[in-house]
Amino acid sequence: MALVRKGSRRIAVDGTVYRWRLRGKPTYFQGLAWSPSTFAVELADTPGATLVVTTDQPHPSNWLGREAMPVLPSSVAQAIQLALREGWIPTAPGSPFHLDQSAGFSP
């Protein structure tokens, strides 16, 4: 499934251009800070398998006002590089590749 272009940002990692997007509105569990925020990444021009990254931070728009660090482009680039090392093939169609970086998240 392709990412929605509206609200996505472009990032170049090792000469390849990707698009990434953090969900604008938190899910119910993210809003209550029970689950961490996630963002999705795919190739910019020819989307294939989507990378879904679970962070160790609450969603920035959580309803409880829990302090959260913003998702920075440098964090996205590091996640892309790690996912590529762990076997994510962004050109291959198929189900999303999940990268769990939620170690240390506490609701």
C-alpha atoms as a PDB file:
ATOM      1  CA  MET A   1       0.000   0.000   0.000  1.00  0.00           C
ATOM      2  CA  ALA A   2       1.407   3.381  -0.992  1.00  0.00           C
ATOM      3  CA  LEU A   3       1.819   6.293   1.375  1.00  0.00           C
ATOM      4  CA  VAL A   4      -0.467   9.274   1.082  1.00  0.00           C
ATOM      5  CA  ARG A   5       1.564  12.034  -0.577  1.00  0.00           C
ATOM      6  CA  LYS A   6      -0.085  14.802   1.423  1.00  0.00           C
ATOM      7  CA  GLY A   7       1.928  15.381   4.577  1.00  0.00           C
ATOM      8  CA  SER A   8       4.850  13.201   3.506  1.00  0.00           C
ATOM      9  CA  ARG A   9       8.419  14.470   3.454  1.00  0.00           C
ATOM     10  CA  ARG A  10      11.279  13.577   1.145  1.00  0.00           C
ATOM     11  CA  ILE A  11      14.630  12.355   2.409  1.00  0.00           C
ATOM     12  CA  ALA A  12      17.738  11.177   0.573  1.00  0.00           C
ATOM     13  CA  VAL A  13      19.720   8.340   2.133  1.00  0.00           C
ATOM     14  CA  ASP A  14      22.867   7.059   0.403  1.00  0.00           C
ATOM     15  CA  GLY A  15      21.760   8.620  -2.895  1.00  0.00           C
ATOM     16  CA  THR A  16      18.251   7.125  -2.869  1.00  0.00           C
ATOM     17  CA  VAL A  17      15.204   9.342  -2.364  1.00  0.00           C
ATOM     18  CA  TYR A  18      12.468   8.155  -0.012  1.00  0.00           C
ATOM     19  CA  ARG A  19       9.236   9.629   1.334  1.00  0.00           C
ATOM     20  CA  TRP A  20       8.285   9.325   4.978  1.00  0.00           C
ATOM     21  CA  ARG A  21       5.223  10.261   6.980  1.00  0.00           C
ATOM     22  CA  LEU A  22       4.203  10.393  10.620  1.00  0.00           C
ATOM     23  CA  ARG A  23       0.487  10.022  11.176  1.00  0.00           C
ATOM     24  CA  GLY A  24      -0.915  13.491  11.951  1.00  0.00           C
ATOM     25  CA  LYS A  25      -3.609  12.396  14.369  1.00  0.00           C
ATOM     26  CA  PRO A  26      -2.675   9.768  16.919  1.00  0.00           C
ATOM     27  CA  THR A  27      -4.564   6.499  17.109  1.00  0.00           C
ATOM     28  CA  TYR A  28      -6.655   6.006  20.242  1.00  0.00           C
ATOM     29  CA  PHE A  29      -3.869   4.110  22.019  1.00  0.00           C
ATOM     30  CA  GLN A  30      -1.242   6.624  20.879  1.00  0.00           C
ATOM     31  CA  GLY A  31      -3.458   9.474  22.051  1.00  0.00           C
ATOM     32  CA  LEU A  32      -3.562   7.965  25.534  1.00  0.00           C
ATOM     33  CA  ALA A  33       0.224   7.363  25.340  1.00  0.00           C
ATOM     34  CA  TRP A  34      -0.324   3.614  25.734  1.00  0.00           C
ATOM     35  CA  SER A  35       1.542   2.788  22.537  1.00  0.00           C
ATOM     36  CA  PRO A  36       4.486   4.494  20.815  1.00  0.00           C
ATOM     37  CA  SER A  37       4.301   6.533  17.637  1.00  0.00           C
ATOM     38  CA  THR A  38       5.089   5.013  14.262  1.00  0.00           C
ATOM     39  CA  PHE A  39       6.112   6.388  10.908  1.00  0.00           C
ATOM     40  CA  ALA A  40       6.181   4.894   7.429  1.00  0.00           C
ATOM     41  CA  VAL A  41       8.810   5.101   4.679  1.00  0.00           C
ATOM     42  CA  GLU A  42       8.793   4.141   1.002  1.00  0.00           C
ATOM     43  CA  LEU A  43      10.694   4.917  -2.172  1.00  0.00           C
ATOM     44  CA  ALA A  44       9.726   8.324  -3.544  1.00  0.00           C
ATOM     45  CA  ASP A  45       9.172   7.456  -7.200  1.00  0.00           C
ATOM     46  CA  THR A  46       8.414   3.742  -7.432  1.00  0.00           C
ATOM     47  CA  PRO A  47       6.902   2.558  -4.167  1.00  0.00           C
ATOM     48  CA  GLY A  48       7.330  -1.092  -3.274  1.00  0.00           C
ATOM     49  CA  ALA A  49       7.343  -2.546   0.213  1.00  0.00           C
ATOM     50  CA  THR A  50       6.636   0.036   2.917  1.00  0.00           C
ATOM     51  CA  LEU A  51       8.843   0.303   5.977  1.00  0.00           C
ATOM     52  CA  VAL A  52       6.891   0.802   9.222  1.00  0.00           C
ATOM     53  CA  VAL A  53       9.043   2.018  12.120  1.00  0.00           C
ATOM     54  CA  THR A  54       7.820   1.872  15.716  1.00  0.00           C
ATOM     55  CA  THR A  55       9.654   4.473  17.798  1.00  0.00           C
ATOM     56  CA  ASP A  56      10.329   4.580  21.528  1.00  0.00           C
ATOM     57  CA  GLN A  57       8.460   7.889  21.953  1.00  0.00           C
ATOM     58  CA  PRO A  58       4.801   8.745  22.527  1.00  0.00           C
ATOM     59  CA  HIS A  59       3.013  10.437  19.646  1.00  0.00           C
ATOM     60  CA  PRO A  60       3.792  14.190  19.657  1.00  0.00           C
ATOM     61  CA  SER A  61       0.045  14.962  19.616  1.00  0.00           C
ATOM     62  CA  ASN A  62      -0.907  12.675  22.500  1.00  0.00           C
ATOM     63  CA  TRP A  63      -3.891  13.860  24.541  1.00  0.00           C
ATOM     64  CA  LEU A  64      -2.226  13.612  27.930  1.00  0.00           C
ATOM     65  CA  GLY A  65       0.478  16.136  27.198  1.00  0.00           C
ATOM     66  CA  ARG A  66       3.229  13.564  27.669  1.00  0.00           C
ATOM     67  CA  GLU A  67       6.471  15.051  26.468  1.00  0.00           C
ATOM     68  CA  ALA A  68       7.690  13.535  23.207  1.00  0.00           C
ATOM     69  CA  MET A  69      10.728  14.121  21.070  1.00  0.00           C
ATOM     70  CA  PRO A  70       9.887  15.010  17.462  1.00  0.00           C
ATOM     71  CA  VAL A  71      10.735  12.549  14.719  1.00  0.00           C
ATOM     72  CA  LEU A  72      13.812  14.075  13.114  1.00  0.00           C
ATOM     73  CA  PRO A  73      15.048  13.408   9.580  1.00  0.00           C
ATOM     74  CA  SER A  74      18.298  12.077  11.071  1.00  0.00           C
ATOM     75  CA  SER A  75      16.295   9.448  13.000  1.00  0.00           C
ATOM     76  CA  VAL A  76      14.424   8.512   9.834  1.00  0.00           C
ATOM     77  CA  ALA A  77      17.702   8.138   7.924  1.00  0.00           C
ATOM     78  CA  GLN A  78      19.152   5.903  10.655  1.00  0.00           C
ATOM     79  CA  ALA A  79      16.005   3.754  10.648  1.00  0.00           C
ATOM     80  CA  ILE A  80      16.179   3.388   6.853  1.00  0.00           C
ATOM     81  CA  GLN A  81      19.838   2.330   7.002  1.00  0.00           C
ATOM     82  CA  LEU A  82      19.113  -0.186   9.774  1.00  0.00           C
ATOM     83  CA  ALA A  83      16.117  -1.626   7.922  1.00  0.00           C
ATOM     84  CA  LEU A  84      18.180  -2.030   4.752  1.00  0.00           C
ATOM     85  CA  ARG A  85      20.839  -3.918   6.740  1.00  0.00           C
ATOM     86  CA  GLU A  86      18.118  -6.123   8.266  1.00  0.00           C
ATOM     87  CA  GLY A  87      16.686  -7.108   4.890  1.00  0.00           C
ATOM     88  CA  TRP A  88      14.150  -4.485   3.810  1.00  0.00           C
ATOM     89  CA  ILE A  89      13.999  -4.381   0.015  1.00  0.00           C
ATOM     90  CA  PRO A  90      12.124  -1.159  -0.843  1.00  0.00           C
ATOM     91  CA  THR A  91      11.773  -2.019  -4.544  1.00  0.00           C
ATOM     92  CA  ALA A  92      10.113  -5.390  -3.971  1.00  0.00           C
ATOM     93  CA  PRO A  93       6.326  -5.395  -3.736  1.00  0.00           C
ATOM     94  CA  GLY A  94       4.819  -7.108  -0.771  1.00  0.00           C
ATOM     95  CA  SER A  95       3.743  -6.695   2.801  1.00  0.00           C
ATOM     96  CA  PRO A  96       5.202  -3.947   5.002  1.00  0.00           C
ATOM     97  CA  PHE A  97       8.559  -4.446   6.682  1.00  0.00           C
ATOM     98  CA  HIS A  98       8.304  -3.720  10.413  1.00  0.00           C
ATOM     99  CA  LEU A  99      11.227  -2.239  12.330  1.00  0.00           C
ATOM    100  CA  ASP A 100      10.608  -2.167  16.071  1.00  0.00           C
ATOM    101  CA  GLN A 101      12.672   0.428  17.927  1.00  0.00           C
ATOM    102  CA  SER A 102      10.296   0.671  20.886  1.00  0.00           C
ATOM    103  CA  ALA A 103      12.674  -0.760  23.491  1.00  0.00           C
ATOM    104  CA  GLY A 104      12.464   1.489  26.525  1.00  0.00           C
ATOM    105  CA  PHE A 105       8.956   2.826  25.834  1.00  0.00           C
ATOM    106  CA  SER A 106       6.826   2.893  28.949  1.00  0.00           C
ATOM    107  CA  PRO A 107       3.130   3.778  28.855  1.00  0.00           C
END
